Amino acid sequence: MTEDTAPDATPTGPTGPTRAGFVALIGEPNAGKSTLLNRMVGAKVSIVTHKVQTTRARIRGIAIEGASQLVFVDTPGIFRPRRRLDRSMVAAAWGGASDADIVLLLIEAHRGLTPGVQSILAALKENMSGKARVALVINKIDRVKAEVLLALSQSMNEAYPFAHTFMISAERGHGADDLRHWLANEVPLGPWLYPEDQIADLPMRMIAAEITREKLTLRLHEEIPYQLTVETEMWEERKDGSARVDQIIYVARPGHKGIILGKHGETIKAVSQAARAELEEFMGRKIHLFLQVKVRENWLDEAERFREMGLDFRDGDA
């Protein structure tokens, strides 16, 4: 084959050369990363609650924009770790950033340049030099006035050389289209990494466990959500097209079991109904969900529990 007849090495789609890349979302807990991920994908693939630190593992959501496939990595919030689980979550966040083609740093407009954000900026300078491009995303812009936004944007860009700055409301969708279009033009040329109709790369067993954990987090108070984990023990496909899903809720203290069960089993029943309804909507078919609660006082020190969450079992500092 001569040079004149050699095919173009860049794959092409209906609208031109294809692009694909990983986009990592980093920031403090509750900055809106999961909300933005779900907004970009157009479906709920990551837990969203009012409580901080609900995202534990790196969750990938997949979006198509023109000829570009954007693989968003929703990372745990970056904070000062205290426990082994905290260290593993923060390590997962920085691991997602270092593996990405583009990093989006989300900050909250009304909170501004917090000590936590300053720590992230310092770590970006240390960890991301010469690696992925980093863009600033100021979220929740509806909470402050324009002059506050402009001053925050200026101070942030003086602190770090961001490739671009976006002002959005992930919850309302303001500015999301501009961000998606920019990302579509910035990810590398190359073939798509996933089938066109795939919106997440987590195993369905893990997605189901995350859905149940979200319903528990929304119903329970204070520290209990941070002291539990959910694992899908069995997934059985049935001939009628439905599936039976058996899950175990592990708690660290005997007293938490009673709280999760609730009076006459009312709490666990409500959680099961809510999780089953969302699973059925997500999968488009009947789901038979069965939940058990077990006490494992040392689950936070068990490597197997961390593997089920998609986290590395870590000692020492993150």
C-alpha atoms as a PDB file:
ATOM      1  CA  MET A   1       0.000   0.000   0.000  1.00  0.00           C
ATOM      2  CA  THR A   2       1.444   3.377  -1.001  1.00  0.00           C
ATOM      3  CA  GLU A   3       1.504   6.461   1.153  1.00  0.00           C
ATOM      4  CA  ASP A   4      -1.145   8.078  -1.048  1.00  0.00           C
ATOM      5  CA  THR A   5      -3.629   5.269  -0.405  1.00  0.00           C
ATOM      6  CA  ALA A   6      -2.913   4.670   3.283  1.00  0.00           C
ATOM      7  CA  PRO A   7      -6.028   5.168   5.429  1.00  0.00           C
ATOM      8  CA  ASP A   8      -6.257   8.018   7.899  1.00  0.00           C
ATOM      9  CA  ALA A   9      -5.179   6.760  11.333  1.00  0.00           C
ATOM     10  CA  THR A  10      -7.863   8.862  13.034  1.00  0.00           C
ATOM     11  CA  PRO A  11     -11.250   7.101  13.242  1.00  0.00           C
ATOM     12  CA  THR A  12     -14.178   9.069  11.884  1.00  0.00           C
ATOM     13  CA  GLY A  13     -17.824   9.200  12.822  1.00  0.00           C
ATOM     14  CA  PRO A  14     -20.909  10.761  11.167  1.00  0.00           C
ATOM     15  CA  THR A  15     -19.762  14.272  12.176  1.00  0.00           C
ATOM     16  CA  GLY A  16     -16.021  13.928  11.585  1.00  0.00           C
ATOM     17  CA  PRO A  17     -12.960  12.544  13.374  1.00  0.00           C
ATOM     18  CA  THR A  18     -13.824  10.896  16.668  1.00  0.00           C
ATOM     19  CA  ARG A  19     -12.416  11.920  20.024  1.00  0.00           C
ATOM     20  CA  ALA A  20     -12.456  10.243  23.417  1.00  0.00           C
ATOM     21  CA  GLY A  21     -10.967  10.970  26.799  1.00  0.00           C
ATOM     22  CA  PHE A  22     -11.270  10.838  30.561  1.00  0.00           C
ATOM     23  CA  VAL A  23     -12.469  13.875  32.509  1.00  0.00           C
ATOM     24  CA  ALA A  24     -11.857  13.755  36.272  1.00  0.00           C
ATOM     25  CA  LEU A  25     -14.044  15.774  38.637  1.00  0.00           C
ATOM     26  CA  ILE A  26     -12.234  16.827  41.801  1.00  0.00           C
ATOM     27  CA  GLY A  27     -13.042  19.172  44.649  1.00  0.00           C
ATOM     28  CA  GLU A  28     -14.075  19.345  48.266  1.00  0.00           C
ATOM     29  CA  PRO A  29     -16.930  17.153  49.528  1.00  0.00           C
ATOM     30  CA  ASN A  30     -20.357  18.436  48.443  1.00  0.00           C
ATOM     31  CA  ALA A  31     -18.960  20.711  45.722  1.00  0.00           C
ATOM     32  CA  GLY A  32     -21.463  19.234  43.242  1.00  0.00           C
ATOM     33  CA  LYS A  33     -19.312  16.670  41.434  1.00  0.00           C
ATOM     34  CA  SER A  34     -21.928  13.918  41.428  1.00  0.00           C
ATOM     35  CA  THR A  35     -24.661  16.341  40.376  1.00  0.00           C
ATOM     36  CA  LEU A  36     -22.503  17.544  37.481  1.00  0.00           C
ATOM     37  CA  LEU A  37     -21.669  13.978  36.438  1.00  0.00           C
ATOM     38  CA  ASN A  38     -25.346  13.027  36.318  1.00  0.00           C
ATOM     39  CA  ARG A  39     -26.116  16.231  34.415  1.00  0.00           C
ATOM     40  CA  MET A  40     -23.428  15.520  31.808  1.00  0.00           C
ATOM     41  CA  VAL A  41     -24.425  11.895  31.330  1.00  0.00           C
ATOM     42  CA  GLY A  42     -28.146  12.652  31.259  1.00  0.00           C
ATOM     43  CA  ALA A  43     -28.891   9.882  33.760  1.00  0.00           C
ATOM     44  CA  LYS A  44     -28.277   9.203  37.422  1.00  0.00           C
ATOM     45  CA  VAL A  45     -25.092   7.158  37.790  1.00  0.00           C
ATOM     46  CA  SER A  46     -23.680   8.642  40.997  1.00  0.00           C
ATOM     47  CA  ILE A  47     -25.084   9.157  44.487  1.00  0.00           C
ATOM     48  CA  VAL A  48     -26.346  12.666  45.224  1.00  0.00           C
ATOM     49  CA  THR A  49     -27.282  13.566  48.810  1.00  0.00           C
ATOM     50  CA  HIS A  50     -27.024  16.565  51.082  1.00  0.00           C
ATOM     51  CA  LYS A  51     -24.417  14.735  53.162  1.00  0.00           C
ATOM     52  CA  VAL A  52     -20.703  15.103  52.444  1.00  0.00           C
ATOM     53  CA  GLN A  53     -18.389  12.267  51.421  1.00  0.00           C
ATOM     54  CA  THR A  54     -21.126  10.093  49.925  1.00  0.00           C
ATOM     55  CA  THR A  55     -19.078   9.236  46.826  1.00  0.00           C
ATOM     56  CA  ARG A  56     -16.513   6.620  47.872  1.00  0.00           C
ATOM     57  CA  ALA A  57     -15.083   5.078  44.711  1.00  0.00           C
ATOM     58  CA  ARG A  58     -14.216   6.435  41.285  1.00  0.00           C
ATOM     59  CA  ILE A  59     -17.452   6.239  39.302  1.00  0.00           C
ATOM     60  CA  ARG A  60     -17.337   6.618  35.540  1.00  0.00           C
ATOM     61  CA  GLY A  61     -20.221   8.079  33.582  1.00  0.00           C
ATOM     62  CA  ILE A  62     -20.136   8.213  29.787  1.00  0.00           C
ATOM     63  CA  ALA A  63     -21.537  10.995  27.608  1.00  0.00           C
ATOM     64  CA  ILE A  64     -21.581  11.582  23.852  1.00  0.00           C
ATOM     65  CA  GLU A  65     -21.150  15.097  22.482  1.00  0.00           C
ATOM     66  CA  GLY A  66     -21.004  15.212  18.667  1.00  0.00           C
ATOM     67  CA  ALA A  67     -18.142  12.947  17.575  1.00  0.00           C
ATOM     68  CA  SER A  68     -16.616  12.941  21.077  1.00  0.00           C
ATOM     69  CA  GLN A  69     -17.067  10.415  23.876  1.00  0.00           C
ATOM     70  CA  LEU A  70     -16.498  11.928  27.302  1.00  0.00           C
ATOM     71  CA  VAL A  71     -15.771   9.535  30.160  1.00  0.00           C
ATOM     72  CA  PHE A  72     -16.402  11.449  33.385  1.00  0.00           C
ATOM     73  CA  VAL A  73     -14.758  10.163  36.551  1.00  0.00           C
ATOM     74  CA  ASP A  74     -16.633  11.239  39.673  1.00  0.00           C
ATOM     75  CA  THR A  75     -14.065  11.090  42.454  1.00  0.00           C
ATOM     76  CA  PRO A  76     -14.555  11.176  46.223  1.00  0.00           C
ATOM     77  CA  GLY A  77     -14.273  14.633  47.723  1.00  0.00           C
ATOM     78  CA  ILE A  78     -10.759  15.668  48.697  1.00  0.00           C
ATOM     79  CA  PHE A  79     -10.462  16.387  52.415  1.00  0.00           C
ATOM     80  CA  ARG A  80      -8.060  15.824  55.294  1.00  0.00           C
ATOM     81  CA  PRO A  81      -8.228  12.061  55.924  1.00  0.00           C
ATOM     82  CA  ARG A  82      -8.636  10.682  59.450  1.00  0.00           C
ATOM     83  CA  ARG A  83      -9.456   7.001  58.972  1.00  0.00           C
ATOM     84  CA  ARG A  84      -8.276   4.231  56.662  1.00  0.00           C
ATOM     85  CA  LEU A  85     -11.449   4.616  54.544  1.00  0.00           C
ATOM     86  CA  ASP A  86     -10.791   8.365  54.291  1.00  0.00           C
ATOM     87  CA  ARG A  87      -7.234   7.733  53.102  1.00  0.00           C
ATOM     88  CA  SER A  88      -8.421   5.286  50.459  1.00  0.00           C
ATOM     89  CA  MET A  89     -11.088   7.724  49.228  1.00  0.00           C
ATOM     90  CA  VAL A  90      -8.641  10.630  48.905  1.00  0.00           C
ATOM     91  CA  ALA A  91      -6.128   8.367  47.153  1.00  0.00           C
ATOM     92  CA  ALA A  92      -8.872   7.324  44.715  1.00  0.00           C
ATOM     93  CA  ALA A  93      -9.610  10.986  43.989  1.00  0.00           C
ATOM     94  CA  TRP A  94      -5.998  11.845  43.170  1.00  0.00           C
ATOM     95  CA  GLY A  95      -5.628   8.607  41.245  1.00  0.00           C
ATOM     96  CA  GLY A  96      -8.587   9.585  39.072  1.00  0.00           C
ATOM     97  CA  ALA A  97      -7.057  13.005  38.456  1.00  0.00           C
ATOM     98  CA  SER A  98      -3.622  11.684  37.527  1.00  0.00           C
ATOM     99  CA  ASP A  99      -5.117   9.211  35.030  1.00  0.00           C
ATOM    100  CA  ALA A 100      -7.326  11.778  33.278  1.00  0.00           C
ATOM    101  CA  ASP A 101      -6.892  13.756  30.080  1.00  0.00           C
ATOM    102  CA  ILE A 102      -8.666  16.769  31.583  1.00  0.00           C
ATOM    103  CA  VAL A 103      -9.281  17.646  35.244  1.00  0.00           C
ATOM    104  CA  LEU A 104     -12.196  19.809  36.359  1.00  0.00           C
ATOM    105  CA  LEU A 105     -11.778  21.445  39.770  1.00  0.00           C
ATOM    106  CA  LEU A 106     -15.224  22.222  41.165  1.00  0.00           C
ATOM    107  CA  ILE A 107     -15.597  24.880  43.838  1.00  0.00           C
ATOM    108  CA  GLU A 108     -18.715  26.370  45.393  1.00  0.00           C
ATOM    109  CA  ALA A 109     -19.344  30.005  44.464  1.00  0.00           C
ATOM    110  CA  HIS A 110     -20.721  30.962  47.870  1.00  0.00           C
ATOM    111  CA  ARG A 111     -17.833  29.348  49.791  1.00  0.00           C
ATOM    112  CA  GLY A 112     -15.043  30.632  47.578  1.00  0.00           C
ATOM    113  CA  LEU A 113     -11.360  30.051  48.204  1.00  0.00           C
ATOM    114  CA  THR A 114     -11.616  27.924  51.355  1.00  0.00           C
ATOM    115  CA  PRO A 115      -8.640  26.366  53.182  1.00  0.00           C
ATOM    116  CA  GLY A 116      -9.666  23.066  51.609  1.00  0.00           C
ATOM    117  CA  VAL A 117      -9.560  24.555  48.110  1.00  0.00           C
ATOM    118  CA  GLN A 118      -6.176  26.118  48.888  1.00  0.00           C
ATOM    119  CA  SER A 119      -4.873  22.662  49.850  1.00  0.00           C
ATOM    120  CA  ILE A 120      -6.184  21.209  46.585  1.00  0.00           C
ATOM    121  CA  LEU A 121      -4.507  23.992  44.594  1.00  0.00           C
ATOM    122  CA  ALA A 122      -1.200  23.256  46.325  1.00  0.00           C
ATOM    123  CA  ALA A 123      -1.572  19.555  45.544  1.00  0.00           C
ATOM    124  CA  LEU A 124      -2.450  20.331  41.911  1.00  0.00           C
ATOM    125  CA  LYS A 125       0.789  22.281  41.530  1.00  0.00           C
ATOM    126  CA  GLU A 126       2.697  19.347  42.978  1.00  0.00           C
ATOM    127  CA  ASN A 127       0.872  16.457  41.290  1.00  0.00           C
ATOM    128  CA  MET A 128      -0.437  17.732  37.956  1.00  0.00           C
ATOM    129  CA  SER A 129       2.536  19.644  36.539  1.00  0.00           C
ATOM    130  CA  GLY A 130       2.983  18.585  32.928  1.00  0.00           C
ATOM    131  CA  LYS A 131       0.041  16.156  33.075  1.00  0.00           C
ATOM    132  CA  ALA A 132      -3.637  16.768  32.328  1.00  0.00           C
ATOM    133  CA  ARG A 133      -5.062  20.197  31.576  1.00  0.00           C
ATOM    134  CA  VAL A 134      -7.001  21.594  34.517  1.00  0.00           C
ATOM    135  CA  ALA A 135     -10.113  23.753  34.139  1.00  0.00           C
ATOM    136  CA  LEU A 136     -11.905  25.627  36.908  1.00  0.00           C
ATOM    137  CA  VAL A 137     -15.640  25.105  37.363  1.00  0.00           C
ATOM    138  CA  ILE A 138     -17.332  27.521  39.748  1.00  0.00           C
ATOM    139  CA  ASN A 139     -20.578  25.824  40.741  1.00  0.00           C
ATOM    140  CA  LYS A 140     -23.772  27.082  42.427  1.00  0.00           C
ATOM    141  CA  ILE A 141     -23.457  30.500  40.767  1.00  0.00           C
ATOM    142  CA  ASP A 142     -27.095  31.303  41.585  1.00  0.00           C
ATOM    143  CA  ARG A 143     -26.090  31.806  45.226  1.00  0.00           C
ATOM    144  CA  VAL A 144     -23.880  34.894  44.751  1.00  0.00           C
ATOM    145  CA  LYS A 145     -23.828  38.180  42.857  1.00  0.00           C
ATOM    146  CA  ALA A 146     -21.910  38.717  39.607  1.00  0.00           C
ATOM    147  CA  GLU A 147     -19.193  40.867  41.173  1.00  0.00           C
ATOM    148  CA  VAL A 148     -18.447  38.137  43.740  1.00  0.00           C
ATOM    149  CA  LEU A 149     -18.116  35.590  40.939  1.00  0.00           C
ATOM    150  CA  LEU A 150     -15.727  37.764  38.969  1.00  0.00           C
ATOM    151  CA  ALA A 151     -13.542  38.409  42.021  1.00  0.00           C
ATOM    152  CA  LEU A 152     -13.469  34.694  42.852  1.00  0.00           C
ATOM    153  CA  SER A 153     -12.552  33.781  39.275  1.00  0.00           C
ATOM    154  CA  GLN A 154      -9.716  36.303  39.300  1.00  0.00           C
ATOM    155  CA  SER A 155      -8.286  35.124  42.628  1.00  0.00           C
ATOM    156  CA  MET A 156      -8.483  31.465  41.574  1.00  0.00           C
ATOM    157  CA  ASN A 157      -6.742  32.089  38.262  1.00  0.00           C
ATOM    158  CA  GLU A 158      -4.032  34.046  40.041  1.00  0.00           C
ATOM    159  CA  ALA A 159      -3.496  31.039  42.294  1.00  0.00           C
ATOM    160  CA  TYR A 160      -3.311  28.445  39.471  1.00  0.00           C
ATOM    161  CA  PRO A 161      -2.937  28.592  35.644  1.00  0.00           C
ATOM    162  CA  PHE A 162      -6.296  27.098  34.687  1.00  0.00           C
ATOM    163  CA  ALA A 163      -6.859  26.251  31.023  1.00  0.00           C
ATOM    164  CA  HIS A 164     -10.370  27.700  31.172  1.00  0.00           C
ATOM    165  CA  THR A 165     -12.928  28.921  33.714  1.00  0.00           C
ATOM    166  CA  PHE A 166     -16.609  27.993  33.664  1.00  0.00           C
ATOM    167  CA  MET A 167     -19.423  29.326  35.809  1.00  0.00           C
ATOM    168  CA  ILE A 168     -22.284  26.877  36.169  1.00  0.00           C
ATOM    169  CA  SER A 169     -25.168  25.589  38.202  1.00  0.00           C
ATOM    170  CA  ALA A 170     -24.912  21.814  37.972  1.00  0.00           C
ATOM    171  CA  GLU A 171     -28.310  21.409  39.633  1.00  0.00           C
ATOM    172  CA  ARG A 172     -30.136  23.781  37.275  1.00  0.00           C
ATOM    173  CA  GLY A 173     -28.007  23.084  34.202  1.00  0.00           C
ATOM    174  CA  HIS A 174     -26.823  26.671  33.627  1.00  0.00           C
ATOM    175  CA  GLY A 175     -23.512  26.687  31.770  1.00  0.00           C
ATOM    176  CA  ALA A 176     -23.392  22.889  31.456  1.00  0.00           C
ATOM    177  CA  ASP A 177     -23.737  22.909  27.657  1.00  0.00           C
ATOM    178  CA  ASP A 178     -20.782  25.281  27.217  1.00  0.00           C
ATOM    179  CA  LEU A 179     -18.666  23.057  29.454  1.00  0.00           C
ATOM    180  CA  ARG A 180     -19.640  19.909  27.561  1.00  0.00           C
ATOM    181  CA  HIS A 181     -18.882  21.515  24.165  1.00  0.00           C
ATOM    182  CA  TRP A 182     -15.466  22.683  25.354  1.00  0.00           C
ATOM    183  CA  LEU A 183     -14.605  19.248  26.686  1.00  0.00           C
ATOM    184  CA  ALA A 184     -15.697  17.611  23.427  1.00  0.00           C
ATOM    185  CA  ASN A 185     -13.141  19.691  21.530  1.00  0.00           C
ATOM    186  CA  GLU A 186     -10.369  19.201  24.088  1.00  0.00           C
ATOM    187  CA  VAL A 187     -10.265  15.411  24.574  1.00  0.00           C
ATOM    188  CA  PRO A 188      -7.747  13.578  22.349  1.00  0.00           C
ATOM    189  CA  LEU A 189      -8.445  12.323  18.854  1.00  0.00           C
ATOM    190  CA  GLY A 190      -9.056   8.592  18.870  1.00  0.00           C
ATOM    191  CA  PRO A 191     -11.666   5.823  18.842  1.00  0.00           C
ATOM    192  CA  TRP A 192     -14.456   5.709  21.372  1.00  0.00           C
ATOM    193  CA  LEU A 193     -13.662   3.687  24.475  1.00  0.00           C
ATOM    194  CA  TYR A 194     -17.150   2.283  25.180  1.00  0.00           C
ATOM    195  CA  PRO A 195     -20.225   1.230  23.171  1.00  0.00           C
ATOM    196  CA  GLU A 196     -22.418   4.154  22.150  1.00  0.00           C
ATOM    197  CA  ASP A 197     -25.335   3.126  24.395  1.00  0.00           C
ATOM    198  CA  GLN A 198     -23.291   2.574  27.585  1.00  0.00           C
ATOM    199  CA  ILE A 199     -23.633   5.274  30.252  1.00  0.00           C
ATOM    200  CA  ALA A 200     -21.504   3.826  33.077  1.00  0.00           C
ATOM    201  CA  ASP A 201     -18.697   1.326  33.498  1.00  0.00           C
ATOM    202  CA  LEU A 202     -19.513   0.062  36.981  1.00  0.00           C
ATOM    203  CA  PRO A 203     -20.738  -3.543  37.227  1.00  0.00           C
ATOM    204  CA  MET A 204     -24.501  -3.671  37.727  1.00  0.00           C
ATOM    205  CA  ARG A 205     -23.921  -5.351  41.107  1.00  0.00           C
ATOM    206  CA  MET A 206     -22.023  -2.273  42.318  1.00  0.00           C
ATOM    207  CA  ILE A 207     -24.546   0.186  40.871  1.00  0.00           C
ATOM    208  CA  ALA A 208     -27.304  -1.684  42.708  1.00  0.00           C
ATOM    209  CA  ALA A 209     -25.327  -1.526  45.962  1.00  0.00           C
ATOM    210  CA  GLU A 210     -24.733   2.200  45.503  1.00  0.00           C
ATOM    211  CA  ILE A 211     -28.448   2.810  44.917  1.00  0.00           C
ATOM    212  CA  THR A 212     -29.322   1.055  48.183  1.00  0.00           C
ATOM    213  CA  ARG A 213     -26.572   2.928  50.037  1.00  0.00           C
ATOM    214  CA  GLU A 214     -27.964   6.219  48.770  1.00  0.00           C
ATOM    215  CA  LYS A 215     -31.441   5.409  50.101  1.00  0.00           C
ATOM    216  CA  LEU A 216     -29.918   4.519  53.474  1.00  0.00           C
ATOM    217  CA  THR A 217     -27.889   7.736  53.513  1.00  0.00           C
ATOM    218  CA  LEU A 218     -30.983   9.820  52.817  1.00  0.00           C
ATOM    219  CA  ARG A 219     -32.974   8.221  55.647  1.00  0.00           C
ATOM    220  CA  LEU A 220     -30.323   7.921  58.353  1.00  0.00           C
ATOM    221  CA  HIS A 221     -28.771  10.658  60.452  1.00  0.00           C
ATOM    222  CA  GLU A 222     -25.381  11.822  61.666  1.00  0.00           C
ATOM    223  CA  GLU A 223     -22.561   9.250  61.571  1.00  0.00           C
ATOM    224  CA  ILE A 224     -24.506   6.075  60.750  1.00  0.00           C
ATOM    225  CA  PRO A 225     -24.225   6.378  56.916  1.00  0.00           C
ATOM    226  CA  TYR A 226     -20.441   6.567  57.246  1.00  0.00           C
ATOM    227  CA  GLN A 227     -20.376   3.418  59.385  1.00  0.00           C
ATOM    228  CA  LEU A 228     -22.115   1.156  56.863  1.00  0.00           C
ATOM    229  CA  THR A 229     -21.484  -0.378  53.481  1.00  0.00           C
ATOM    230  CA  VAL A 230     -23.696  -2.319  51.069  1.00  0.00           C
ATOM    231  CA  GLU A 231     -22.639  -5.346  49.046  1.00  0.00           C
ATOM    232  CA  THR A 232     -24.592  -7.245  46.403  1.00  0.00           C
ATOM    233  CA  GLU A 233     -24.183 -10.849  47.513  1.00  0.00           C
ATOM    234  CA  MET A 234     -26.186 -12.535  44.735  1.00  0.00           C
ATOM    235  CA  TRP A 235     -27.650 -11.571  41.363  1.00  0.00           C
ATOM    236  CA  GLU A 236     -29.946 -14.158  39.802  1.00  0.00           C
ATOM    237  CA  GLU A 237     -31.471 -13.710  36.356  1.00  0.00           C
ATOM    238  CA  ARG A 238     -34.949 -15.221  36.042  1.00  0.00           C
ATOM    239  CA  LYS A 239     -36.672 -16.735  33.012  1.00  0.00           C
ATOM    240  CA  ASP A 240     -39.407 -14.078  33.038  1.00  0.00           C
ATOM    241  CA  GLY A 241     -36.788 -11.336  32.465  1.00  0.00           C
ATOM    242  CA  SER A 242     -36.732 -10.151  36.070  1.00  0.00           C
ATOM    243  CA  ALA A 243     -33.792 -10.457  38.459  1.00  0.00           C
ATOM    244  CA  ARG A 244     -33.459 -11.381  42.113  1.00  0.00           C
ATOM    245  CA  VAL A 245     -30.920  -9.236  43.952  1.00  0.00           C
ATOM    246  CA  ASP A 246     -29.718 -10.126  47.455  1.00  0.00           C
ATOM    247  CA  GLN A 247     -27.742  -7.482  49.334  1.00  0.00           C
ATOM    248  CA  ILE A 248     -26.056  -7.284  52.722  1.00  0.00           C
ATOM    249  CA  ILE A 249     -25.836  -4.052  54.699  1.00  0.00           C
ATOM    250  CA  TYR A 250     -22.779  -4.238  56.933  1.00  0.00           C
ATOM    251  CA  VAL A 251     -22.778  -2.013  60.030  1.00  0.00           C
ATOM    252  CA  ALA A 252     -19.990  -1.428  62.530  1.00  0.00           C
ATOM    253  CA  ARG A 253     -22.064  -1.383  65.730  1.00  0.00           C
ATOM    254  CA  PRO A 254     -24.872  -3.611  67.044  1.00  0.00           C
ATOM    255  CA  GLY A 255     -26.983  -0.564  67.867  1.00  0.00           C
ATOM    256  CA  HIS A 256     -26.945   0.554  64.246  1.00  0.00           C
ATOM    257  CA  LYS A 257     -28.676  -2.636  63.119  1.00  0.00           C
ATOM    258  CA  GLY A 258     -31.807  -1.793  65.079  1.00  0.00           C
ATOM    259  CA  ILE A 259     -31.834   1.759  63.731  1.00  0.00           C
ATOM    260  CA  ILE A 260     -31.600   0.535  60.125  1.00  0.00           C
ATOM    261  CA  LEU A 261     -34.329  -2.045  60.657  1.00  0.00           C
ATOM    262  CA  GLY A 262     -36.569   0.524  62.345  1.00  0.00           C
ATOM    263  CA  LYS A 263     -39.674  -0.033  64.426  1.00  0.00           C
ATOM    264  CA  HIS A 264     -41.446  -3.144  63.110  1.00  0.00           C
ATOM    265  CA  GLY A 265     -39.002  -3.158  60.210  1.00  0.00           C
ATOM    266  CA  GLU A 266     -40.405   0.067  58.765  1.00  0.00           C
ATOM    267  CA  THR A 267     -37.070   1.718  57.908  1.00  0.00           C
ATOM    268  CA  ILE A 268     -35.546  -1.233  56.064  1.00  0.00           C
ATOM    269  CA  LYS A 269     -38.852  -1.776  54.219  1.00  0.00           C
ATOM    270  CA  ALA A 270     -38.926   1.846  53.042  1.00  0.00           C
ATOM    271  CA  VAL A 271     -35.277   1.685  51.960  1.00  0.00           C
ATOM    272  CA  SER A 272     -35.911  -1.548  50.060  1.00  0.00           C
ATOM    273  CA  GLN A 273     -38.952  -0.136  48.270  1.00  0.00           C
ATOM    274  CA  ALA A 274     -37.143   3.058  47.255  1.00  0.00           C
ATOM    275  CA  ALA A 275     -34.033   1.190  46.073  1.00  0.00           C
ATOM    276  CA  ARG A 276     -36.082  -1.375  44.157  1.00  0.00           C
ATOM    277  CA  ALA A 277     -38.105   1.333  42.397  1.00  0.00           C
ATOM    278  CA  GLU A 278     -34.956   3.149  41.276  1.00  0.00           C
ATOM    279  CA  LEU A 279     -33.289  -0.079  40.160  1.00  0.00           C
ATOM    280  CA  GLU A 280     -36.341  -0.999  38.102  1.00  0.00           C
ATOM    281  CA  GLU A 281     -36.406   2.431  36.488  1.00  0.00           C
ATOM    282  CA  PHE A 282     -32.661   2.265  35.775  1.00  0.00           C
ATOM    283  CA  MET A 283     -32.825  -1.219  34.250  1.00  0.00           C
ATOM    284  CA  GLY A 284     -36.282  -1.086  32.700  1.00  0.00           C
ATOM    285  CA  ARG A 285     -37.416  -4.407  34.201  1.00  0.00           C
ATOM    286  CA  LYS A 286     -38.755  -6.068  37.349  1.00  0.00           C
ATOM    287  CA  ILE A 287     -36.331  -6.431  40.270  1.00  0.00           C
ATOM    288  CA  HIS A 288     -36.878  -8.539  43.403  1.00  0.00           C
ATOM    289  CA  LEU A 289     -34.670  -6.944  46.068  1.00  0.00           C
ATOM    290  CA  PHE A 290     -33.880  -8.627  49.392  1.00  0.00           C
ATOM    291  CA  LEU A 291     -31.878  -6.849  52.107  1.00  0.00           C
ATOM    292  CA  GLN A 292     -30.146  -8.228  55.199  1.00  0.00           C
ATOM    293  CA  VAL A 293     -28.374  -6.260  57.927  1.00  0.00           C
ATOM    294  CA  LYS A 294     -25.280  -7.800  59.506  1.00  0.00           C
ATOM    295  CA  VAL A 295     -22.966  -6.487  62.208  1.00  0.00           C
ATOM    296  CA  ARG A 296     -19.268  -6.603  61.318  1.00  0.00           C
ATOM    297  CA  GLU A 297     -17.596  -4.418  63.896  1.00  0.00           C
ATOM    298  CA  ASN A 298     -14.273  -4.360  62.045  1.00  0.00           C
ATOM    299  CA  TRP A 299     -15.496  -4.022  58.470  1.00  0.00           C
ATOM    300  CA  LEU A 300     -13.608  -0.731  58.152  1.00  0.00           C
ATOM    301  CA  ASP A 301     -10.387  -2.722  58.615  1.00  0.00           C
ATOM    302  CA  GLU A 302     -11.222  -5.529  56.159  1.00  0.00           C
ATOM    303  CA  ALA A 303      -9.521  -5.487  52.765  1.00  0.00           C
ATOM    304  CA  GLU A 304     -12.412  -7.403  51.172  1.00  0.00           C
ATOM    305  CA  ARG A 305     -14.911  -4.658  52.027  1.00  0.00           C
ATOM    306  CA  PHE A 306     -12.637  -2.093  50.362  1.00  0.00           C
ATOM    307  CA  ARG A 307     -12.335  -4.213  47.218  1.00  0.00           C
ATOM    308  CA  GLU A 308     -16.130  -4.399  47.002  1.00  0.00           C
ATOM    309  CA  MET A 309     -16.212  -0.592  47.027  1.00  0.00           C
ATOM    310  CA  GLY A 310     -13.544  -0.392  44.315  1.00  0.00           C
ATOM    311  CA  LEU A 311     -10.986   1.107  46.703  1.00  0.00           C
ATOM    312  CA  ASP A 312      -7.427   0.204  47.555  1.00  0.00           C
ATOM    313  CA  PHE A 313      -6.864  -0.989  51.116  1.00  0.00           C
ATOM    314  CA  ARG A 314      -4.390   1.565  52.410  1.00  0.00           C
ATOM    315  CA  ASP A 315      -2.241   2.197  55.444  1.00  0.00           C
ATOM    316  CA  GLY A 316      -0.379   5.410  56.208  1.00  0.00           C
ATOM    317  CA  ASP A 317      -1.093   8.809  54.722  1.00  0.00           C
ATOM    318  CA  ALA A 318      -2.886   9.312  51.413  1.00  0.00           C
END
